[in-house]
Full PDB file with SEQRES, HELIX, SHEET, SSBOND, CRYST1, ORIGX, SCALE, CONECT and MASTER records, all heavy atoms in Angstrom:
SEQRES   1 A   42  TYR LEU LEU GLU PHE THR VAL TRP TRP HIS MET THR LEU          
SEQRES   2 A   42  GLN ASP PRO ARG TRP SER THR ALA VAL HIS GLU ALA GLY          
SEQRES   3 A   42  HIS ALA VAL ALA ALA ARG ALA LEU ARG ARG GLY VAL ARG          
SEQRES   4 A   42  SER VAL SER                                                  
HELIX    1 AA1 LEU A    2  GLN A   14  1                                  13    
HELIX    2 AA2 TRP A   18  ALA A   33  1                                  16    
CRYST1    1.000    1.000    1.000  90.00  90.00  90.00 P 1           1          
ORIGX1      1.000000  0.000000  0.000000        0.00000                         
ORIGX2      0.000000  1.000000  0.000000        0.00000                         
ORIGX3      0.000000  0.000000  1.000000        0.00000                         
SCALE1      1.000000  0.000000  0.000000        0.00000                         
SCALE2      0.000000  1.000000  0.000000        0.00000                         
SCALE3      0.000000  0.000000  1.000000        0.00000                         
ATOM      1  N   TYR A   1     179.176 126.629 150.127  1.00  0.00           N  
ATOM      2  CA  TYR A   1     179.770 125.478 150.795  1.00  0.00           C  
ATOM      3  C   TYR A   1     181.244 125.363 150.423  1.00  0.00           C  
ATOM      4  O   TYR A   1     182.090 125.101 151.258  1.00  0.00           O  
ATOM      5  CB  TYR A   1     179.036 124.195 150.395  1.00  0.00           C  
ATOM      6  CG  TYR A   1     177.647 124.107 150.941  1.00  0.00           C  
ATOM      7  CD1 TYR A   1     176.566 124.574 150.206  1.00  0.00           C  
ATOM      8  CD2 TYR A   1     177.408 123.573 152.210  1.00  0.00           C  
ATOM      9  CE1 TYR A   1     175.287 124.501 150.707  1.00  0.00           C  
ATOM     10  CE2 TYR A   1     176.125 123.490 152.721  1.00  0.00           C  
ATOM     11  CZ  TYR A   1     175.064 123.960 151.959  1.00  0.00           C  
ATOM     12  OH  TYR A   1     173.800 123.893 152.463  1.00  0.00           O  
ATOM     13  N   LEU A   2     181.530 125.559 149.131  1.00  0.00           N  
ATOM     14  CA  LEU A   2     182.905 125.484 148.677  1.00  0.00           C  
ATOM     15  C   LEU A   2     183.735 126.591 149.300  1.00  0.00           C  
ATOM     16  O   LEU A   2     184.875 126.378 149.710  1.00  0.00           O  
ATOM     17  CB  LEU A   2     182.952 125.583 147.146  1.00  0.00           C  
ATOM     18  CG  LEU A   2     184.351 125.534 146.516  1.00  0.00           C  
ATOM     19  CD1 LEU A   2     185.039 124.214 146.876  1.00  0.00           C  
ATOM     20  CD2 LEU A   2     184.259 125.694 145.002  1.00  0.00           C  
ATOM     21  N   LEU A   3     183.174 127.792 149.402  1.00  0.00           N  
ATOM     22  CA  LEU A   3     183.881 128.917 149.998  1.00  0.00           C  
ATOM     23  C   LEU A   3     184.190 128.631 151.464  1.00  0.00           C  
ATOM     24  O   LEU A   3     185.302 128.863 151.931  1.00  0.00           O  
ATOM     25  CB  LEU A   3     183.030 130.190 149.884  1.00  0.00           C  
ATOM     26  CG  LEU A   3     183.609 131.436 150.578  1.00  0.00           C  
ATOM     27  CD1 LEU A   3     184.945 131.809 149.954  1.00  0.00           C  
ATOM     28  CD2 LEU A   3     182.616 132.598 150.461  1.00  0.00           C  
ATOM     29  N   GLU A   4     183.211 128.112 152.191  1.00  0.00           N  
ATOM     30  CA  GLU A   4     183.406 127.798 153.605  1.00  0.00           C  
ATOM     31  C   GLU A   4     184.527 126.778 153.788  1.00  0.00           C  
ATOM     32  O   GLU A   4     185.385 126.920 154.648  1.00  0.00           O  
ATOM     33  CB  GLU A   4     182.097 127.252 154.190  1.00  0.00           C  
ATOM     34  CG  GLU A   4     182.151 126.908 155.666  1.00  0.00           C  
ATOM     35  CD  GLU A   4     182.077 128.126 156.552  1.00  0.00           C  
ATOM     36  OE1 GLU A   4     181.871 129.232 156.022  1.00  0.00           O  
ATOM     37  OE2 GLU A   4     182.228 127.959 157.771  1.00  0.00           O  
ATOM     38  N   PHE A   5     184.505 125.744 152.968  1.00  0.00           N  
ATOM     39  CA  PHE A   5     185.534 124.712 153.065  1.00  0.00           C  
ATOM     40  C   PHE A   5     186.903 125.273 152.718  1.00  0.00           C  
ATOM     41  O   PHE A   5     187.902 124.981 153.375  1.00  0.00           O  
ATOM     42  CB  PHE A   5     185.193 123.552 152.136  1.00  0.00           C  
ATOM     43  CG  PHE A   5     186.290 122.522 152.051  1.00  0.00           C  
ATOM     44  CD1 PHE A   5     186.504 121.645 153.108  1.00  0.00           C  
ATOM     45  CD2 PHE A   5     187.107 122.456 150.940  1.00  0.00           C  
ATOM     46  CE1 PHE A   5     187.512 120.699 153.045  1.00  0.00           C  
ATOM     47  CE2 PHE A   5     188.121 121.524 150.877  1.00  0.00           C  
ATOM     48  CZ  PHE A   5     188.328 120.643 151.917  1.00  0.00           C  
ATOM     49  N   THR A   6     186.976 126.106 151.670  1.00  0.00           N  
ATOM     50  CA  THR A   6     188.248 126.670 151.234  1.00  0.00           C  
ATOM     51  C   THR A   6     188.865 127.536 152.316  1.00  0.00           C  
ATOM     52  O   THR A   6     190.067 127.468 152.576  1.00  0.00           O  
ATOM     53  CB  THR A   6     188.053 127.510 149.956  1.00  0.00           C  
ATOM     54  OG1 THR A   6     187.494 126.683 148.942  1.00  0.00           O  
ATOM     55  CG2 THR A   6     189.378 128.080 149.477  1.00  0.00           C  
ATOM     56  N   VAL A   7     188.049 128.372 152.964  1.00  0.00           N  
ATOM     57  CA  VAL A   7     188.546 129.237 154.036  1.00  0.00           C  
ATOM     58  C   VAL A   7     189.079 128.384 155.181  1.00  0.00           C  
ATOM     59  O   VAL A   7     190.155 128.633 155.719  1.00  0.00           O  
ATOM     60  CB  VAL A   7     187.422 130.167 154.538  1.00  0.00           C  
ATOM     61  CG1 VAL A   7     187.863 130.888 155.819  1.00  0.00           C  
ATOM     62  CG2 VAL A   7     187.063 131.180 153.449  1.00  0.00           C  
ATOM     63  N   TRP A   8     188.313 127.359 155.574  1.00  0.00           N  
ATOM     64  CA  TRP A   8     188.732 126.479 156.675  1.00  0.00           C  
ATOM     65  C   TRP A   8     190.025 125.756 156.337  1.00  0.00           C  
ATOM     66  O   TRP A   8     190.949 125.673 157.129  1.00  0.00           O  
ATOM     67  CB  TRP A   8     187.618 125.478 156.950  1.00  0.00           C  
ATOM     68  CG  TRP A   8     188.003 124.408 157.921  1.00  0.00           C  
ATOM     69  CD1 TRP A   8     188.067 124.502 159.278  1.00  0.00           C  
ATOM     70  CD2 TRP A   8     188.379 123.059 157.593  1.00  0.00           C  
ATOM     71  NE1 TRP A   8     188.461 123.305 159.824  1.00  0.00           N  
ATOM     72  CE2 TRP A   8     188.654 122.402 158.820  1.00  0.00           C  
ATOM     73  CE3 TRP A   8     188.504 122.353 156.407  1.00  0.00           C  
ATOM     74  CZ2 TRP A   8     189.059 121.078 158.868  1.00  0.00           C  
ATOM     75  CZ3 TRP A   8     188.894 121.025 156.461  1.00  0.00           C  
ATOM     76  CH2 TRP A   8     189.171 120.411 157.680  1.00  0.00           C  
ATOM     77  N   TRP A   9     190.111 125.208 155.113  1.00  0.00           N  
ATOM     78  CA  TRP A   9     191.288 124.463 154.678  1.00  0.00           C  
ATOM     79  C   TRP A   9     192.521 125.356 154.681  1.00  0.00           C  
ATOM     80  O   TRP A   9     193.587 124.965 155.174  1.00  0.00           O  
ATOM     81  CB  TRP A   9     191.025 123.912 153.281  1.00  0.00           C  
ATOM     82  CG  TRP A   9     192.130 123.040 152.743  1.00  0.00           C  
ATOM     83  CD1 TRP A   9     193.130 123.385 151.903  1.00  0.00           C  
ATOM     84  CD2 TRP A   9     192.319 121.639 153.028  1.00  0.00           C  
ATOM     85  NE1 TRP A   9     193.934 122.316 151.636  1.00  0.00           N  
ATOM     86  CE2 TRP A   9     193.464 121.239 152.313  1.00  0.00           C  
ATOM     87  CE3 TRP A   9     191.640 120.722 153.813  1.00  0.00           C  
ATOM     88  CZ2 TRP A   9     193.943 119.934 152.355  1.00  0.00           C  
ATOM     89  CZ3 TRP A   9     192.116 119.425 153.863  1.00  0.00           C  
ATOM     90  CH2 TRP A   9     193.256 119.043 153.140  1.00  0.00           C  
ATOM     91  N   HIS A  10     192.395 126.569 154.165  1.00  0.00           N  
ATOM     92  CA  HIS A  10     193.525 127.495 154.115  1.00  0.00           C  
ATOM     93  C   HIS A  10     193.960 127.876 155.532  1.00  0.00           C  
ATOM     94  O   HIS A  10     195.147 127.918 155.847  1.00  0.00           O  
ATOM     95  CB  HIS A  10     193.132 128.753 153.331  1.00  0.00           C  
ATOM     96  CG  HIS A  10     194.218 129.793 153.313  1.00  0.00           C  
ATOM     97  ND1 HIS A  10     195.315 129.704 152.484  1.00  0.00           N  
ATOM     98  CD2 HIS A  10     194.389 130.928 154.047  1.00  0.00           C  
ATOM     99  CE1 HIS A  10     196.112 130.748 152.690  1.00  0.00           C  
ATOM    100  NE2 HIS A  10     195.569 131.498 153.623  1.00  0.00           N  
ATOM    101  N   MET A  11     192.989 128.107 156.389  1.00  0.00           N  
ATOM    102  CA  MET A  11     193.290 128.530 157.757  1.00  0.00           C  
ATOM    103  C   MET A  11     194.083 127.471 158.503  1.00  0.00           C  
ATOM    104  O   MET A  11     195.078 127.756 159.168  1.00  0.00           O  
ATOM    105  CB  MET A  11     191.988 128.831 158.506  1.00  0.00           C  
ATOM    106  CG  MET A  11     192.188 129.282 159.948  1.00  0.00           C  
ATOM    107  SD  MET A  11     190.603 129.493 160.787  1.00  0.00           S  
ATOM    108  CE  MET A  11     189.902 130.826 159.854  1.00  0.00           C  
ATOM    109  N   THR A  12     193.663 126.236 158.388  1.00  0.00           N  
ATOM    110  CA  THR A  12     194.297 125.193 159.182  1.00  0.00           C  
ATOM    111  C   THR A  12     195.648 124.761 158.633  1.00  0.00           C  
ATOM    112  O   THR A  12     196.554 124.444 159.404  1.00  0.00           O  
ATOM    113  CB  THR A  12     193.384 123.960 159.267  1.00  0.00           C  
ATOM    114  OG1 THR A  12     193.097 123.495 157.958  1.00  0.00           O  
ATOM    115  CG2 THR A  12     192.092 124.284 159.981  1.00  0.00           C  
ATOM    116  N   LEU A  13     195.789 124.743 157.325  1.00  0.00           N  
ATOM    117  CA  LEU A  13     197.036 124.238 156.753  1.00  0.00           C  
ATOM    118  C   LEU A  13     198.103 125.304 156.593  1.00  0.00           C  
ATOM    119  O   LEU A  13     199.286 125.000 156.642  1.00  0.00           O  
ATOM    120  CB  LEU A  13     196.754 123.598 155.379  1.00  0.00           C  
ATOM    121  CG  LEU A  13     195.926 122.314 155.399  1.00  0.00           C  
ATOM    122  CD1 LEU A  13     195.910 121.696 154.006  1.00  0.00           C  
ATOM    123  CD2 LEU A  13     196.492 121.309 156.391  1.00  0.00           C  
ATOM    124  N   GLN A  14     197.719 126.551 156.400  1.00  0.00           N  
ATOM    125  CA  GLN A  14     198.678 127.590 156.104  1.00  0.00           C  
ATOM    126  C   GLN A  14     199.145 128.365 157.341  1.00  0.00           C  
ATOM    127  O   GLN A  14     200.246 128.900 157.346  1.00  0.00           O  
ATOM    128  CB  GLN A  14     198.074 128.578 155.077  1.00  0.00           C  
ATOM    129  CG  GLN A  14     197.658 127.945 153.766  1.00  0.00           C  
ATOM    130  CD  GLN A  14     198.819 127.266 153.060  1.00  0.00           C  
ATOM    131  OE1 GLN A  14     199.934 127.773 153.061  1.00  0.00           O  
ATOM    132  NE2 GLN A  14     198.562 126.115 152.461  1.00  0.00           N  
ATOM    133  N   ASP A  15     198.342 128.455 158.349  1.00  0.00           N  
ATOM    134  CA  ASP A  15     198.724 129.241 159.520  1.00  0.00           C  
ATOM    135  C   ASP A  15     199.643 128.416 160.421  1.00  0.00           C  
ATOM    136  O   ASP A  15     199.245 127.362 160.919  1.00  0.00           O  
ATOM    137  CB  ASP A  15     197.479 129.670 160.307  1.00  0.00           C  
ATOM    138  CG  ASP A  15     197.778 130.801 161.276  1.00  0.00           C  
ATOM    139  OD1 ASP A  15     198.809 130.728 161.971  1.00  0.00           O  
ATOM    140  OD2 ASP A  15     196.984 131.753 161.323  1.00  0.00           O  
ATOM    141  N   PRO A  16     200.885 128.884 160.652  1.00  0.00           N  
ATOM    142  CA  PRO A  16     201.833 128.115 161.473  1.00  0.00           C  
ATOM    143  C   PRO A  16     201.407 127.999 162.934  1.00  0.00           C  
ATOM    144  O   PRO A  16     201.955 127.186 163.680  1.00  0.00           O  
ATOM    145  CB  PRO A  16     203.138 128.908 161.336  1.00  0.00           C  
ATOM    146  CG  PRO A  16     202.707 130.292 160.986  1.00  0.00           C  
ATOM    147  CD  PRO A  16     201.478 130.128 160.136  1.00  0.00           C  
ATOM    148  N   ARG A  17     200.432 128.790 163.355  1.00  0.00           N  
ATOM    149  CA  ARG A  17     199.974 128.745 164.740  1.00  0.00           C  
ATOM    150  C   ARG A  17     198.901 127.687 164.980  1.00  0.00           C  
ATOM    151  O   ARG A  17     198.463 127.505 166.119  1.00  0.00           O  
ATOM    152  CB  ARG A  17     199.414 130.121 165.143  1.00  0.00           C  
ATOM    153  CG  ARG A  17     200.386 131.285 165.022  1.00  0.00           C  
ATOM    154  CD  ARG A  17     199.646 132.596 165.237  1.00  0.00           C  
ATOM    155  NE  ARG A  17     198.567 132.749 164.263  1.00  0.00           N  
ATOM    156  CZ  ARG A  17     197.565 133.631 164.365  1.00  0.00           C  
ATOM    157  NH1 ARG A  17     197.502 134.420 165.420  1.00  0.00           N  
ATOM    158  NH2 ARG A  17     196.638 133.697 163.429  1.00  0.00           N  
ATOM    159  N   TRP A  18     198.491 126.994 163.915  1.00  0.00           N  
ATOM    160  CA  TRP A  18     197.378 126.058 164.046  1.00  0.00           C  
ATOM    161  C   TRP A  18     197.649 124.976 165.095  1.00  0.00           C  
ATOM    162  O   TRP A  18     196.799 124.678 165.934  1.00  0.00           O  
ATOM    163  CB  TRP A  18     197.059 125.431 162.694  1.00  0.00           C  
ATOM    164  CG  TRP A  18     195.991 124.379 162.729  1.00  0.00           C  
ATOM    165  CD1 TRP A  18     196.141 123.058 162.430  1.00  0.00           C  
ATOM    166  CD2 TRP A  18     194.611 124.549 163.078  1.00  0.00           C  
ATOM    167  NE1 TRP A  18     194.931 122.394 162.560  1.00  0.00           N  
ATOM    168  CE2 TRP A  18     193.979 123.292 162.963  1.00  0.00           C  
ATOM    169  CE3 TRP A  18     193.850 125.643 163.476  1.00  0.00           C  
ATOM    170  CZ2 TRP A  18     192.627 123.090 163.235  1.00  0.00           C  
ATOM    171  CZ3 TRP A  18     192.494 125.459 163.757  1.00  0.00           C  
ATOM    172  CH2 TRP A  18     191.900 124.197 163.631  1.00  0.00           C  
ATOM    173  N   SER A  19     198.841 124.380 165.065  1.00  0.00           N  
ATOM    174  CA  SER A  19     199.157 123.321 166.035  1.00  0.00           C  
ATOM    175  C   SER A  19     199.106 123.844 167.463  1.00  0.00           C  
ATOM    176  O   SER A  19     198.592 123.174 168.367  1.00  0.00           O  
ATOM    177  CB  SER A  19     200.552 122.741 165.746  1.00  0.00           C  
ATOM    178  OG  SER A  19     200.545 121.977 164.569  1.00  0.00           O  
ATOM    179  N   THR A  20     199.632 125.059 167.662  1.00  0.00           N  
ATOM    180  CA  THR A  20     199.595 125.664 168.995  1.00  0.00           C  
ATOM    181  C   THR A  20     198.162 125.936 169.420  1.00  0.00           C  
ATOM    182  O   THR A  20     197.781 125.691 170.573  1.00  0.00           O  
ATOM    183  CB  THR A  20     200.399 126.982 169.015  1.00  0.00           C  
ATOM    184  OG1 THR A  20     201.758 126.718 168.663  1.00  0.00           O  
ATOM    185  CG2 THR A  20     200.359 127.620 170.398  1.00  0.00           C  
ATOM    186  N   ALA A  21     197.358 126.417 168.490  1.00  0.00           N  
ATOM    187  CA  ALA A  21     195.956 126.709 168.801  1.00  0.00           C  
ATOM    188  C   ALA A  21     195.212 125.445 169.196  1.00  0.00           C  
ATOM    189  O   ALA A  21     194.422 125.435 170.141  1.00  0.00           O  
ATOM    190  CB  ALA A  21     195.280 127.379 167.603  1.00  0.00           C  
ATOM    191  N   VAL A  22     195.463 124.343 168.478  1.00  0.00           N  
ATOM    192  CA  VAL A  22     194.815 123.075 168.804  1.00  0.00           C  
ATOM    193  C   VAL A  22     195.305 122.569 170.161  1.00  0.00           C  
ATOM    194  O   VAL A  22     194.529 122.039 170.962  1.00  0.00           O  
ATOM    195  CB  VAL A  22     195.078 122.027 167.699  1.00  0.00           C  
ATOM    196  CG1 VAL A  22     194.644 120.638 168.142  1.00  0.00           C  
ATOM    197  CG2 VAL A  22     194.339 122.427 166.423  1.00  0.00           C  
ATOM    198  N   HIS A  23     196.595 122.737 170.438  1.00  0.00           N  
ATOM    199  CA  HIS A  23     197.164 122.316 171.723  1.00  0.00           C  
ATOM    200  C   HIS A  23     196.456 123.021 172.884  1.00  0.00           C  
ATOM    201  O   HIS A  23     195.977 122.377 173.819  1.00  0.00           O  
ATOM    202  CB  HIS A  23     198.662 122.641 171.748  1.00  0.00           C  
ATOM    203  CG  HIS A  23     199.376 122.196 172.985  1.00  0.00           C  
ATOM    204  ND1 HIS A  23     200.334 121.212 172.981  1.00  0.00           N  
ATOM    205  CD2 HIS A  23     199.289 122.614 174.280  1.00  0.00           C  
ATOM    206  CE1 HIS A  23     200.789 121.025 174.201  1.00  0.00           C  
ATOM    207  NE2 HIS A  23     200.173 121.881 175.012  1.00  0.00           N  
ATOM    208  N   GLU A  24     196.378 124.359 172.804  1.00  0.00           N  
ATOM    209  CA  GLU A  24     195.748 125.117 173.891  1.00  0.00           C  
ATOM    210  C   GLU A  24     194.240 124.842 173.952  1.00  0.00           C  
ATOM    211  O   GLU A  24     193.656 124.779 175.036  1.00  0.00           O  
ATOM    212  CB  GLU A  24     196.017 126.616 173.722  1.00  0.00           C  
ATOM    213  CG  GLU A  24     197.489 127.003 173.696  1.00  0.00           C  
ATOM    214  CD  GLU A  24     198.268 126.486 174.897  1.00  0.00           C  
ATOM    215  OE1 GLU A  24     197.685 126.331 175.989  1.00  0.00           O  
ATOM    216  OE2 GLU A  24     199.474 126.221 174.742  1.00  0.00           O  
ATOM    217  N   ALA A  25     193.629 124.664 172.791  1.00  0.00           N  
ATOM    218  CA  ALA A  25     192.199 124.324 172.770  1.00  0.00           C  
ATOM    219  C   ALA A  25     191.952 122.975 173.416  1.00  0.00           C  
ATOM    220  O   ALA A  25     190.934 122.766 174.086  1.00  0.00           O  
ATOM    221  CB  ALA A  25     191.680 124.332 171.329  1.00  0.00           C  
ATOM    222  N   GLY A  26     192.891 122.042 173.226  1.00  0.00           N  
ATOM    223  CA  GLY A  26     192.767 120.742 173.866  1.00  0.00           C  
ATOM    224  C   GLY A  26     192.710 120.858 175.380  1.00  0.00           C  
ATOM    225  O   GLY A  26     191.876 120.226 176.045  1.00  0.00           O  
ATOM    226  N   HIS A  27     193.592 121.689 175.935  1.00  0.00           N  
ATOM    227  CA  HIS A  27     193.567 121.942 177.382  1.00  0.00           C  
ATOM    228  C   HIS A  27     192.200 122.495 177.808  1.00  0.00           C  
ATOM    229  O   HIS A  27     191.587 122.026 178.773  1.00  0.00           O  
ATOM    230  CB  HIS A  27     194.627 122.980 177.760  1.00  0.00           C  
ATOM    231  CG  HIS A  27     196.039 122.498 177.697  1.00  0.00           C  
ATOM    232  ND1 HIS A  27     196.463 121.319 178.258  1.00  0.00           N  
ATOM    233  CD2 HIS A  27     197.148 123.076 177.155  1.00  0.00           C  
ATOM    234  CE1 HIS A  27     197.767 121.180 178.062  1.00  0.00           C  
ATOM    235  NE2 HIS A  27     198.196 122.223 177.386  1.00  0.00           N  
ATOM    236  N   ALA A  28     191.763 123.533 177.096  1.00  0.00           N  
ATOM    237  CA  ALA A  28     190.551 124.250 177.494  1.00  0.00           C  
ATOM    238  C   ALA A  28     189.293 123.387 177.370  1.00  0.00           C  
ATOM    239  O   ALA A  28     188.409 123.430 178.229  1.00  0.00           O  
ATOM    240  CB  ALA A  28     190.393 125.524 176.660  1.00  0.00           C  
ATOM    241  N   VAL A  29     189.201 122.606 176.302  1.00  0.00           N  
ATOM    242  CA  VAL A  29     188.023 121.762 176.111  1.00  0.00           C  
ATOM    243  C   VAL A  29     188.002 120.628 177.134  1.00  0.00           C  
ATOM    244  O   VAL A  29     186.937 120.271 177.654  1.00  0.00           O  
ATOM    245  CB  VAL A  29     187.969 121.219 174.667  1.00  0.00           C  
ATOM    246  CG1 VAL A  29     186.886 120.158 174.527  1.00  0.00           C  
ATOM    247  CG2 VAL A  29     187.708 122.373 173.690  1.00  0.00           C  
ATOM    248  N   ALA A  30     189.164 120.072 177.442  1.00  0.00           N  
ATOM    249  CA  ALA A  30     189.222 119.053 178.483  1.00  0.00           C  
ATOM    250  C   ALA A  30     188.766 119.638 179.818  1.00  0.00           C  
ATOM    251  O   ALA A  30     188.039 118.991 180.583  1.00  0.00           O  
ATOM    252  CB  ALA A  30     190.638 118.498 178.610  1.00  0.00           C  
ATOM    253  N   ALA A  31     189.172 120.871 180.090  1.00  0.00           N  
ATOM    254  CA  ALA A  31     188.733 121.529 181.323  1.00  0.00           C  
ATOM    255  C   ALA A  31     187.219 121.685 181.337  1.00  0.00           C  
ATOM    256  O   ALA A  31     186.565 121.450 182.360  1.00  0.00           O  
ATOM    257  CB  ALA A  31     189.414 122.894 181.453  1.00  0.00           C  
ATOM    258  N   ARG A  32     186.661 122.068 180.210  1.00  0.00           N  
ATOM    259  CA  ARG A  32     185.199 122.216 180.105  1.00  0.00           C  
ATOM    260  C   ARG A  32     184.517 120.861 180.337  1.00  0.00           C  
ATOM    261  O   ARG A  32     183.537 120.764 181.094  1.00  0.00           O  
ATOM    262  CB  ARG A  32     184.845 122.774 178.725  1.00  0.00           C  
ATOM    263  CG  ARG A  32     183.378 122.707 178.308  1.00  0.00           C  
ATOM    264  CD  ARG A  32     182.523 123.787 178.935  1.00  0.00           C  
ATOM    265  NE  ARG A  32     181.184 123.744 178.355  1.00  0.00           N  
ATOM    266  CZ  ARG A  32     180.732 124.570 177.402  1.00  0.00           C  
ATOM    267  NH1 ARG A  32     181.520 125.535 176.941  1.00  0.00           N  
ATOM    268  NH2 ARG A  32     179.512 124.467 176.934  1.00  0.00           N  
ATOM    269  N   ALA A  33     185.034 119.819 179.704  1.00  0.00           N  
ATOM    270  CA  ALA A  33     184.438 118.489 179.841  1.00  0.00           C  
ATOM    271  C   ALA A  33     184.534 117.963 181.269  1.00  0.00           C  
ATOM    272  O   ALA A  33     183.651 117.259 181.745  1.00  0.00           O  
ATOM    273  CB  ALA A  33     185.122 117.515 178.881  1.00  0.00           C  
ATOM    274  N   LEU A  34     185.604 118.340 181.950  1.00  0.00           N  
ATOM    275  CA  LEU A  34     185.838 117.872 183.316  1.00  0.00           C  
ATOM    276  C   LEU A  34     185.384 118.883 184.370  1.00  0.00           C  
ATOM    277  O   LEU A  34     185.691 118.747 185.545  1.00  0.00           O  
ATOM    278  CB  LEU A  34     187.329 117.558 183.503  1.00  0.00           C  
ATOM    279  CG  LEU A  34     187.857 116.429 182.618  1.00  0.00           C  
ATOM    280  CD1 LEU A  34     189.373 116.355 182.681  1.00  0.00           C  
ATOM    281  CD2 LEU A  34     187.243 115.097 183.017  1.00  0.00           C  
ATOM    282  N   ARG A  35     184.678 119.910 183.912  1.00  0.00           N  
ATOM    283  CA  ARG A  35     184.072 120.911 184.800  1.00  0.00           C  
ATOM    284  C   ARG A  35     185.091 121.680 185.632  1.00  0.00           C  
ATOM    285  O   ARG A  35     184.935 121.875 186.838  1.00  0.00           O  
ATOM    286  CB  ARG A  35     183.039 120.245 185.708  1.00  0.00           C  
ATOM    287  CG  ARG A  35     181.919 119.564 184.932  1.00  0.00           C  
ATOM    288  CD  ARG A  35     180.900 118.943 185.850  1.00  0.00           C  
ATOM    289  NE  ARG A  35     179.843 118.288 185.096  1.00  0.00           N  
ATOM    290  CZ  ARG A  35     178.795 117.691 185.653  1.00  0.00           C  
ATOM    291  NH1 ARG A  35     178.673 117.678 186.965  1.00  0.00           N  
ATOM    292  NH2 ARG A  35     177.876 117.119 184.902  1.00  0.00           N  
ATOM    293  N   ARG A  36     186.139 122.141 184.959  1.00  0.00           N  
ATOM    294  CA  ARG A  36     187.150 122.982 185.597  1.00  0.00           C  
ATOM    295  C   ARG A  36     187.117 124.333 184.903  1.00  0.00           C  
ATOM    296  O   ARG A  36     187.188 124.426 183.681  1.00  0.00           O  
ATOM    297  CB  ARG A  36     188.531 122.336 185.457  1.00  0.00           C  
ATOM    298  CG  ARG A  36     189.691 123.180 185.943  1.00  0.00           C  
ATOM    299  CD  ARG A  36     189.916 123.044 187.428  1.00  0.00           C  
ATOM    300  NE  ARG A  36     190.971 123.943 187.878  1.00  0.00           N  
ATOM    301  CZ  ARG A  36     192.261 123.659 187.856  1.00  0.00           C  
ATOM    302  NH1 ARG A  36     192.679 122.480 187.398  1.00  0.00           N  
ATOM    303  NH2 ARG A  36     193.150 124.530 188.303  1.00  0.00           N  
ATOM    304  N   GLY A  37     187.017 125.402 185.671  1.00  0.00           N  
ATOM    305  CA  GLY A  37     186.904 126.736 185.092  1.00  0.00           C  
ATOM    306  C   GLY A  37     188.177 127.198 184.401  1.00  0.00           C  
ATOM    307  O   GLY A  37     189.283 126.930 184.868  1.00  0.00           O  
ATOM    308  N   VAL A  38     188.030 127.890 183.280  1.00  0.00           N  
ATOM    309  CA  VAL A  38     189.145 128.472 182.539  1.00  0.00           C  
ATOM    310  C   VAL A  38     189.011 129.987 182.579  1.00  0.00           C  
ATOM    311  O   VAL A  38     187.956 130.523 182.239  1.00  0.00           O  
ATOM    312  CB  VAL A  38     189.161 127.980 181.079  1.00  0.00           C  
ATOM    313  CG1 VAL A  38     190.153 128.779 180.252  1.00  0.00           C  
ATOM    314  CG2 VAL A  38     189.503 126.503 181.023  1.00  0.00           C  
ATOM    315  N   ARG A  39     190.065 130.663 182.970  1.00  0.00           N  
ATOM    316  CA  ARG A  39     190.027 132.116 183.063  1.00  0.00           C  
ATOM    317  C   ARG A  39     190.350 132.776 181.725  1.00  0.00           C  
ATOM    318  O   ARG A  39     189.768 133.793 181.357  1.00  0.00           O  
ATOM    319  CB  ARG A  39     191.006 132.591 184.131  1.00  0.00           C  
ATOM    320  CG  ARG A  39     190.906 134.076 184.446  1.00  0.00           C  
ATOM    321  CD  ARG A  39     191.615 134.393 185.752  1.00  0.00           C  
ATOM    322  NE  ARG A  39     193.015 133.946 185.717  1.00  0.00           N  
ATOM    323  CZ  ARG A  39     193.813 133.948 186.787  1.00  0.00           C  
ATOM    324  NH1 ARG A  39     193.345 134.323 187.953  1.00  0.00           N  
ATOM    325  NH2 ARG A  39     195.059 133.556 186.671  1.00  0.00           N  
ATOM    326  N   SER A  40     191.306 132.188 180.979  1.00  0.00           N  
ATOM    327  CA  SER A  40     191.663 132.717 179.661  1.00  0.00           C  
ATOM    328  C   SER A  40     192.436 131.667 178.875  1.00  0.00           C  
ATOM    329  O   SER A  40     193.000 130.738 179.451  1.00  0.00           O  
ATOM    330  CB  SER A  40     192.510 133.992 179.789  1.00  0.00           C  
ATOM    331  OG  SER A  40     193.755 133.713 180.418  1.00  0.00           O  
ATOM    332  N   VAL A  41     192.438 131.849 177.539  1.00  0.00           N  
ATOM    333  CA  VAL A  41     193.188 130.970 176.633  1.00  0.00           C  
ATOM    334  C   VAL A  41     193.942 131.861 175.667  1.00  0.00           C  
ATOM    335  O   VAL A  41     193.376 132.825 175.136  1.00  0.00           O  
ATOM    336  CB  VAL A  41     192.255 130.025 175.842  1.00  0.00           C  
ATOM    337  CG1 VAL A  41     193.075 129.042 175.019  1.00  0.00           C  
ATOM    338  CG2 VAL A  41     191.296 129.290 176.765  1.00  0.00           C  
ATOM    339  N   SER A  42     195.218 131.559 175.425  1.00  0.00           N  
ATOM    340  CA  SER A  42     196.014 132.429 174.563  1.00  0.00           C  
ATOM    341  C   SER A  42     197.016 131.625 173.743  1.00  0.00           C  
ATOM    342  O   SER A  42     197.546 130.609 174.203  1.00  0.00           O  
ATOM    343  CB  SER A  42     196.769 133.457 175.413  1.00  0.00           C  
ATOM    344  OG  SER A  42     197.613 134.265 174.602  1.00  0.00           O  
TER     345      SER A  42                                                      
MASTER        0    0    0    2    0    0    0    6  344    1    0    4          
END                                                                             
């Protein structure tokens, strides 16, 4: 459990792309919730 949390914590706080990843994921998940097809996410 500690290992899982440590990996997640390091990934989100240390990777400078995290904010961008969350931004694009926000688009894609909203599309899923609103039943709009997504061809790709990058």
